[in-house]
Amino acid sequence: MIVCPRCSKENQDHYKFCLGCGAELPRDAAKKEFVAPTANTDPPVASAVPMPPASAPRPAPVPAVSAPAPAMAPAPGAGNNCPACGNPVPTDFKFCGTCGHRMDAGPTPAPAPAPVAAPASGPARGKLVVINPDGTEGSSFPLSAGTTQVGRSAAELFAADAYLSPVHASFTFQGSGCVVRDEDSLNGVYIKLERDQPVALSHGSIFRIGQEIARFELVPEPAEQGGVQPMGSPNPGYLGRISLVIGRDTTANAFTVPPDGLHLGRERGDVIFPDDGYVSGLHCRIHHDGRSVVLTDVGSSNGTFLRIQGEAELQGGELLLMGQQLFRFEG
């Protein structure tokens, strides 16, 4: 728990603002300790260490603090939804713990639908439909037959999302399809994976489960220097490693991916996130399918999202995460 220095109210570790007075909470006030998925008497690996030794058991993970809560099913026991960011807030709290918005007394009224903005140019050919935290459809944003830019400066629908870049992404219709392009945004564009459908990972691929963001990296082979063999821990044939992303160029704990792969989840698996209510008990798997290293959603409730690298072609009905908002593409 994080104790507010202004009013002494206790707040959950992932809150950024006090639920009692709305003050910004110190980020170094609490140190979490997690339980490893298997019995382990060794101390956990510090978050500054890029990789654990080959012989050491996998440490318990540290949740990434930089990822905003996505527009997904809220954790049990939540009260009202914040009208500013949509995240659940208990009914007796005056401020939202995620964005610091002041809550009105009594039940929070549903936010008014954002006005639909006009397309960038030309007639509308498709649209982005907001998916609310409770799963219902919200406002929609039309996409023109040419190229439409989306971001915090594009329309009121996106203006309140601080995790969106001013020009975040662009949608271009080409022939019978549509291509989404990441316009060098800070937080990226993510596409939801189909259940049990493996998707290939490459060096630098970034994916998201719940509030956790991870980067997959291949492990480079050590090279000789001047005929001298490099020393190192034994490598049983690691497929790569995943590092938790806590900033654009900053990572925390890293975990090697063994030859037989690994599972991630909240309760079961090789890497667990016990405090992230948006992660399913068993969420996804990284393994080798005989051709390449792949990421597979194993039936999670809130989905596994892969960040696009450059651009990607969209299919009608696909779900995208941009900033704090979940969208369904129709076109």
Protein backbone atom coordinates (compact mmCIF):
# COMPACT_ATOMS: atom_id res chain seq x y z
CA MET A 1 0.00 0.00 0.00
CA ILE A 2 1.00 3.63 -0.56
CA VAL A 3 0.24 6.05 2.29
CA CYS A 4 -0.66 9.54 1.11
CA PRO A 5 1.80 12.10 2.57
CA ARG A 6 -0.97 14.73 2.66
CA CYS A 7 -3.93 12.97 4.28
CA SER A 8 -2.40 9.61 5.41
CA LYS A 9 -5.00 7.56 3.48
CA GLU A 10 -3.87 4.12 2.30
CA ASN A 11 -3.98 3.55 -1.49
CA GLN A 12 -3.24 0.52 -3.64
CA ASP A 13 0.28 0.28 -5.01
CA HIS A 14 -0.65 0.99 -8.65
CA TYR A 15 -2.61 4.19 -7.90
CA LYS A 16 -1.04 7.46 -9.03
CA PHE A 17 -3.36 9.81 -7.11
CA CYS A 18 -4.77 9.60 -3.58
CA LEU A 19 -8.37 8.43 -3.38
CA GLY A 20 -8.96 10.64 -0.32
CA CYS A 21 -7.54 14.04 -1.27
CA GLY A 22 -6.45 13.71 -4.92
CA ALA A 23 -2.77 14.44 -4.23
CA GLU A 24 -0.16 12.80 -6.49
CA LEU A 25 1.30 9.77 -4.74
CA PRO A 26 5.06 9.16 -4.43
CA ARG A 27 6.17 6.34 -6.72
CA ASP A 28 8.92 5.01 -4.42
CA ALA A 29 6.78 4.77 -1.30
CA ALA A 30 6.02 1.04 -1.55
CA LYS A 31 8.08 -2.01 -2.36
CA LYS A 32 6.17 -5.08 -3.51
CA GLU A 33 7.09 -8.62 -2.81
CA PHE A 34 5.58 -11.30 -5.01
CA VAL A 35 5.32 -15.04 -4.61
CA ALA A 36 7.13 -17.12 -7.20
CA PRO A 37 5.06 -19.73 -9.07
CA THR A 38 7.13 -22.57 -7.57
CA ALA A 39 8.90 -23.04 -4.25
CA ASN A 40 12.01 -20.90 -4.20
CA THR A 41 14.31 -20.17 -1.28
CA ASP A 42 16.65 -17.96 -3.26
CA PRO A 43 16.22 -14.16 -3.07
CA PRO A 44 14.46 -12.53 -6.06
CA VAL A 45 16.52 -10.96 -8.78
CA ALA A 46 16.71 -7.17 -8.47
CA SER A 47 14.84 -5.24 -11.12
CA ALA A 48 18.05 -3.63 -12.35
CA VAL A 49 19.56 -6.98 -13.37
CA PRO A 50 18.86 -7.53 -17.09
CA MET A 51 18.89 -11.35 -16.98
CA PRO A 52 19.00 -14.00 -14.22
CA PRO A 53 21.81 -16.59 -14.27
CA ALA A 54 21.03 -19.70 -16.30
CA SER A 55 21.05 -21.88 -13.20
CA ALA A 56 18.84 -19.67 -11.08
CA PRO A 57 15.05 -20.27 -10.76
CA ARG A 58 12.87 -17.66 -12.40
CA PRO A 59 12.13 -14.76 -10.03
CA ALA A 60 8.69 -13.38 -9.34
CA PRO A 61 7.84 -10.58 -11.80
CA VAL A 62 7.51 -6.91 -11.08
CA PRO A 63 4.44 -5.29 -12.70
CA ALA A 64 5.18 -2.55 -15.21
CA VAL A 65 4.09 0.72 -13.65
CA SER A 66 4.00 2.73 -16.87
CA ALA A 67 1.05 0.99 -18.54
CA PRO A 68 -2.41 2.55 -18.06
CA ALA A 69 -5.34 0.32 -17.25
CA PRO A 70 -6.96 -0.68 -20.56
CA ALA A 71 -10.67 -0.41 -21.25
CA MET A 72 -11.42 -3.95 -20.16
CA ALA A 73 -13.50 -5.74 -17.54
CA PRO A 74 -12.90 -4.04 -14.16
CA ALA A 75 -11.72 -5.96 -11.10
CA PRO A 76 -14.39 -7.41 -8.78
CA GLY A 77 -15.76 -5.14 -6.07
CA ALA A 78 -15.39 -1.89 -8.02
CA GLY A 79 -17.95 0.88 -7.66
CA ASN A 80 -18.50 3.67 -10.15
CA ASN A 81 -16.51 4.33 -13.30
CA CYS A 82 -14.46 7.54 -13.49
CA PRO A 83 -16.05 9.88 -16.06
CA ALA A 84 -12.59 11.07 -17.14
CA CYS A 85 -10.72 7.80 -17.74
CA GLY A 86 -13.41 5.09 -17.33
CA ASN A 87 -11.57 3.11 -14.63
CA PRO A 88 -13.48 1.74 -11.61
CA VAL A 89 -13.57 3.85 -8.42
CA PRO A 90 -15.16 2.69 -5.13
CA THR A 91 -18.33 4.62 -4.33
CA ASP A 92 -16.99 6.22 -1.13
CA PHE A 93 -13.84 7.71 -2.71
CA LYS A 94 -13.66 11.36 -3.73
CA PHE A 95 -10.91 11.02 -6.34
CA CYS A 96 -9.98 8.55 -9.08
CA GLY A 97 -6.79 6.64 -8.21
CA THR A 98 -5.76 6.40 -11.87
CA CYS A 99 -6.11 9.96 -13.19
CA GLY A 100 -6.92 12.03 -10.07
CA HIS A 101 -10.31 13.22 -11.37
CA ARG A 102 -12.64 14.48 -8.60
CA MET A 103 -15.72 12.30 -8.28
CA ASP A 104 -19.15 13.82 -7.61
CA ALA A 105 -21.05 12.83 -4.48
CA GLY A 106 -23.19 9.74 -4.86
CA PRO A 107 -23.19 7.41 -7.88
CA THR A 108 -21.15 8.70 -10.80
CA PRO A 109 -23.35 9.56 -13.76
CA ALA A 110 -22.46 7.98 -17.05
CA PRO A 111 -20.27 10.30 -19.12
CA ALA A 112 -21.98 11.98 -22.03
CA PRO A 113 -21.06 10.46 -25.38
CA ALA A 114 -18.29 12.37 -27.12
CA PRO A 115 -19.41 14.13 -30.27
CA VAL A 116 -18.59 12.38 -33.49
CA ALA A 117 -15.93 14.28 -35.39
CA ALA A 118 -16.01 14.74 -39.13
CA PRO A 119 -13.65 12.63 -41.23
CA ALA A 120 -10.30 14.11 -42.19
CA SER A 121 -11.40 14.43 -45.82
CA GLY A 122 -13.90 12.82 -48.15
CA PRO A 123 -16.83 10.53 -47.32
CA ALA A 124 -16.60 8.06 -44.43
CA ARG A 125 -15.66 4.53 -45.40
CA GLY A 126 -15.12 2.99 -41.98
CA LYS A 127 -15.07 3.89 -38.31
CA LEU A 128 -13.51 3.24 -34.92
CA VAL A 129 -16.02 2.26 -32.23
CA VAL A 130 -15.08 2.83 -28.58
CA ILE A 131 -15.55 -0.24 -26.34
CA ASN A 132 -16.41 0.89 -22.82
CA PRO A 133 -14.94 -0.80 -19.69
CA ASP A 134 -18.22 -2.70 -19.21
CA GLY A 135 -18.08 -4.08 -22.77
CA THR A 136 -20.77 -1.82 -24.23
CA GLU A 137 -20.24 0.31 -27.32
CA GLY A 138 -19.48 4.01 -26.91
CA SER A 139 -18.90 6.81 -29.38
CA SER A 140 -17.56 6.23 -32.86
CA PHE A 141 -15.03 8.08 -34.99
CA PRO A 142 -15.45 8.03 -38.78
CA LEU A 143 -12.56 7.12 -41.09
CA SER A 144 -12.46 8.71 -44.52
CA ALA A 145 -11.88 6.87 -47.79
CA GLY A 146 -8.37 8.33 -47.93
CA THR A 147 -6.11 8.75 -44.88
CA THR A 148 -7.41 9.74 -41.45
CA GLN A 149 -5.12 10.74 -38.60
CA VAL A 150 -6.04 9.80 -35.04
CA GLY A 151 -4.59 11.28 -31.88
CA ARG A 152 -5.10 13.65 -29.00
CA SER A 153 -5.38 16.61 -31.37
CA ALA A 154 -7.76 14.88 -33.80
CA ALA A 155 -11.08 15.10 -31.95
CA GLU A 156 -12.70 15.52 -28.54
CA LEU A 157 -13.07 11.73 -28.38
CA PHE A 158 -9.28 11.44 -27.95
CA ALA A 159 -8.46 14.78 -26.28
CA ALA A 160 -8.67 13.62 -22.65
CA ASP A 161 -6.37 10.60 -23.10
CA ALA A 162 -2.93 11.68 -21.89
CA TYR A 163 -1.37 8.44 -23.18
CA LEU A 164 -2.17 9.34 -26.79
CA SER A 165 0.32 11.34 -28.84
CA PRO A 166 -1.06 14.44 -30.62
CA VAL A 167 -0.83 12.50 -33.91
CA HIS A 168 -0.84 8.88 -32.75
CA ALA A 169 -1.77 6.77 -35.78
CA SER A 170 -3.17 7.02 -39.30
CA PHE A 171 -5.70 4.81 -41.07
CA THR A 172 -5.47 4.51 -44.86
CA PHE A 173 -7.86 2.57 -47.08
CA GLN A 174 -6.08 0.81 -49.93
CA GLY A 175 -8.16 -1.21 -52.36
CA SER A 176 -10.46 -3.42 -50.33
CA GLY A 177 -8.43 -3.18 -47.12
CA CYS A 178 -7.22 -0.69 -44.53
CA VAL A 179 -3.73 -0.15 -43.15
CA VAL A 180 -3.05 1.35 -39.71
CA ARG A 181 0.30 3.07 -39.26
CA ASP A 182 1.95 4.02 -35.97
CA GLU A 183 3.03 7.64 -36.43
CA ASP A 184 6.02 7.28 -34.09
CA SER A 185 3.72 7.51 -31.07
CA LEU A 186 5.15 7.19 -27.58
CA ASN A 187 2.86 4.37 -26.41
CA GLY A 188 2.14 2.55 -29.66
CA VAL A 189 -0.79 0.83 -31.35
CA TYR A 190 -1.73 -2.70 -30.25
CA ILE A 191 -3.89 -5.29 -32.02
CA LYS A 192 -5.69 -8.02 -30.08
CA LEU A 193 -4.64 -11.59 -30.90
CA GLU A 194 -7.17 -14.29 -31.69
CA ARG A 195 -7.43 -17.02 -29.08
CA ASP A 196 -5.17 -20.05 -29.72
CA GLN A 197 -3.80 -18.44 -32.92
CA PRO A 198 0.03 -18.19 -32.66
CA VAL A 199 1.61 -14.96 -33.94
CA ALA A 200 5.33 -14.81 -34.74
CA LEU A 201 7.58 -12.66 -32.57
CA SER A 202 10.71 -10.92 -33.80
CA HIS A 203 13.55 -9.25 -31.94
CA GLY A 204 12.05 -6.18 -30.26
CA SER A 205 8.39 -7.25 -30.46
CA ILE A 206 6.31 -5.66 -27.68
CA PHE A 207 3.11 -7.17 -26.29
CA ARG A 208 0.66 -6.32 -23.54
CA ILE A 209 -1.41 -8.37 -21.09
CA GLY A 210 -3.50 -6.45 -18.56
CA GLN A 211 -1.35 -3.56 -17.39
CA GLU A 212 1.91 -5.39 -18.12
CA ILE A 213 4.00 -4.47 -21.17
CA ALA A 214 6.86 -6.76 -22.21
CA ARG A 215 9.48 -6.77 -24.94
CA PHE A 216 10.74 -9.98 -26.56
CA GLU A 217 14.43 -10.11 -27.43
CA LEU A 218 16.64 -12.72 -28.99
CA VAL A 219 19.71 -13.67 -26.96
CA PRO A 220 22.85 -12.85 -28.99
CA GLU A 221 25.55 -15.46 -29.30
CA PRO A 222 28.76 -14.41 -27.51
CA ALA A 223 31.52 -13.60 -29.97
CA GLU A 224 35.22 -14.32 -29.75
CA GLN A 225 37.61 -11.41 -29.43
CA GLY A 226 41.15 -11.90 -30.67
CA GLY A 227 40.79 -15.67 -30.49
CA VAL A 228 39.68 -15.56 -26.83
CA GLN A 229 36.55 -17.55 -25.93
CA PRO A 230 34.00 -15.53 -23.90
CA MET A 231 32.90 -16.89 -20.52
CA GLY A 232 29.25 -17.16 -19.51
CA SER A 233 26.60 -19.27 -17.86
CA PRO A 234 25.49 -22.42 -19.70
CA ASN A 235 22.88 -21.81 -22.41
CA PRO A 236 20.46 -24.74 -22.72
CA GLY A 237 19.06 -23.30 -25.94
CA TYR A 238 17.10 -20.27 -24.80
CA LEU A 239 14.52 -19.05 -27.31
CA GLY A 240 15.08 -15.47 -26.10
CA ARG A 241 14.04 -13.37 -23.15
CA ILE A 242 11.19 -11.04 -22.19
CA SER A 243 11.81 -7.77 -20.36
CA LEU A 244 9.11 -5.76 -18.59
CA VAL A 245 8.85 -2.28 -20.08
CA ILE A 246 8.53 0.59 -17.58
CA GLY A 247 9.39 3.40 -20.01
CA ARG A 248 10.12 3.97 -23.68
CA ASP A 249 13.79 2.98 -23.30
CA THR A 250 13.68 1.46 -19.81
CA THR A 251 13.07 -2.14 -18.76
CA ALA A 252 12.82 -3.87 -15.38
CA ASN A 253 12.94 -7.61 -14.66
CA ALA A 254 13.87 -9.92 -17.51
CA PHE A 255 13.07 -13.62 -17.87
CA THR A 256 14.70 -16.13 -20.19
CA VAL A 257 12.44 -18.21 -22.44
CA PRO A 258 13.57 -21.86 -22.14
CA PRO A 259 13.57 -24.29 -25.09
CA ASP A 260 10.09 -25.58 -24.17
CA GLY A 261 8.66 -22.05 -23.81
CA LEU A 262 6.90 -20.43 -20.88
CA HIS A 263 3.43 -19.36 -19.72
CA LEU A 264 2.38 -16.02 -18.22
CA GLY A 265 -0.59 -15.44 -15.92
CA ARG A 266 -1.88 -14.04 -12.66
CA GLU A 267 -2.08 -17.34 -10.74
CA ARG A 268 -0.35 -19.99 -12.85
CA GLY A 269 2.60 -20.10 -15.18
CA ASP A 270 6.33 -19.48 -15.21
CA VAL A 271 6.00 -15.69 -14.90
CA ILE A 272 3.10 -14.44 -12.77
CA PHE A 273 1.54 -11.05 -12.03
CA PRO A 274 -0.49 -11.68 -8.84
CA ASP A 275 -1.52 -8.04 -8.33
CA ASP A 276 -2.81 -7.34 -11.85
CA GLY A 277 -6.54 -8.01 -11.89
CA TYR A 278 -6.66 -7.59 -15.68
CA VAL A 279 -4.40 -10.62 -16.23
CA SER A 280 -6.15 -14.01 -16.35
CA GLY A 281 -5.09 -16.92 -14.15
CA LEU A 282 -3.32 -18.42 -17.18
CA HIS A 283 -3.08 -15.77 -19.87
CA CYS A 284 -0.67 -16.48 -22.74
CA ARG A 285 2.25 -18.60 -23.88
CA ILE A 286 5.57 -18.00 -25.67
CA HIS A 287 7.02 -21.03 -27.45
CA HIS A 288 8.58 -22.30 -30.68
CA ASP A 289 6.18 -23.73 -33.25
CA GLY A 290 8.87 -25.39 -35.36
CA ARG A 291 9.48 -22.34 -37.54
CA SER A 292 9.75 -19.36 -35.22
CA VAL A 293 9.10 -18.10 -31.70
CA VAL A 294 5.39 -17.30 -31.33
CA LEU A 295 3.01 -15.65 -28.88
CA THR A 296 -0.34 -17.36 -28.23
CA ASP A 297 -3.31 -16.21 -26.18
CA VAL A 298 -4.57 -19.28 -24.29
CA GLY A 299 -8.11 -18.02 -23.60
CA SER A 300 -7.63 -14.94 -21.45
CA SER A 301 -10.63 -12.80 -20.47
CA ASN A 302 -9.16 -9.43 -21.48
CA GLY A 303 -6.94 -10.52 -24.35
CA THR A 304 -3.31 -10.39 -25.44
CA PHE A 305 -2.27 -7.41 -27.55
CA LEU A 306 0.74 -7.16 -29.87
CA ARG A 307 2.21 -3.77 -30.71
CA ILE A 308 2.48 -3.14 -34.44
CA GLN A 309 5.90 -2.36 -35.88
CA GLY A 310 5.44 0.37 -38.45
CA GLU A 311 2.12 -0.56 -40.01
CA ALA A 312 -0.32 -3.46 -40.22
CA GLU A 313 -3.31 -4.42 -42.34
CA LEU A 314 -6.63 -4.53 -40.49
CA GLN A 315 -9.58 -6.85 -40.80
CA GLY A 316 -13.12 -5.76 -39.99
CA GLY A 317 -14.00 -6.37 -36.34
CA GLU A 318 -10.41 -6.32 -35.03
CA LEU A 319 -9.81 -4.72 -31.62
CA LEU A 320 -7.09 -2.12 -31.11
CA LEU A 321 -5.61 -0.57 -27.99
CA MET A 322 -4.45 3.04 -28.31
CA GLY A 323 -3.67 4.94 -25.13
CA GLN A 324 -6.24 4.04 -22.47
CA GLN A 325 -8.98 3.22 -24.96
CA LEU A 326 -10.11 0.04 -26.66
CA PHE A 327 -11.52 0.37 -30.19
CA ARG A 328 -13.18 -1.96 -32.69
CA PHE A 329 -12.30 -1.28 -36.30
CA GLU A 330 -15.11 -1.44 -38.84
CA GLY A 331 -14.48 -0.92 -42.51
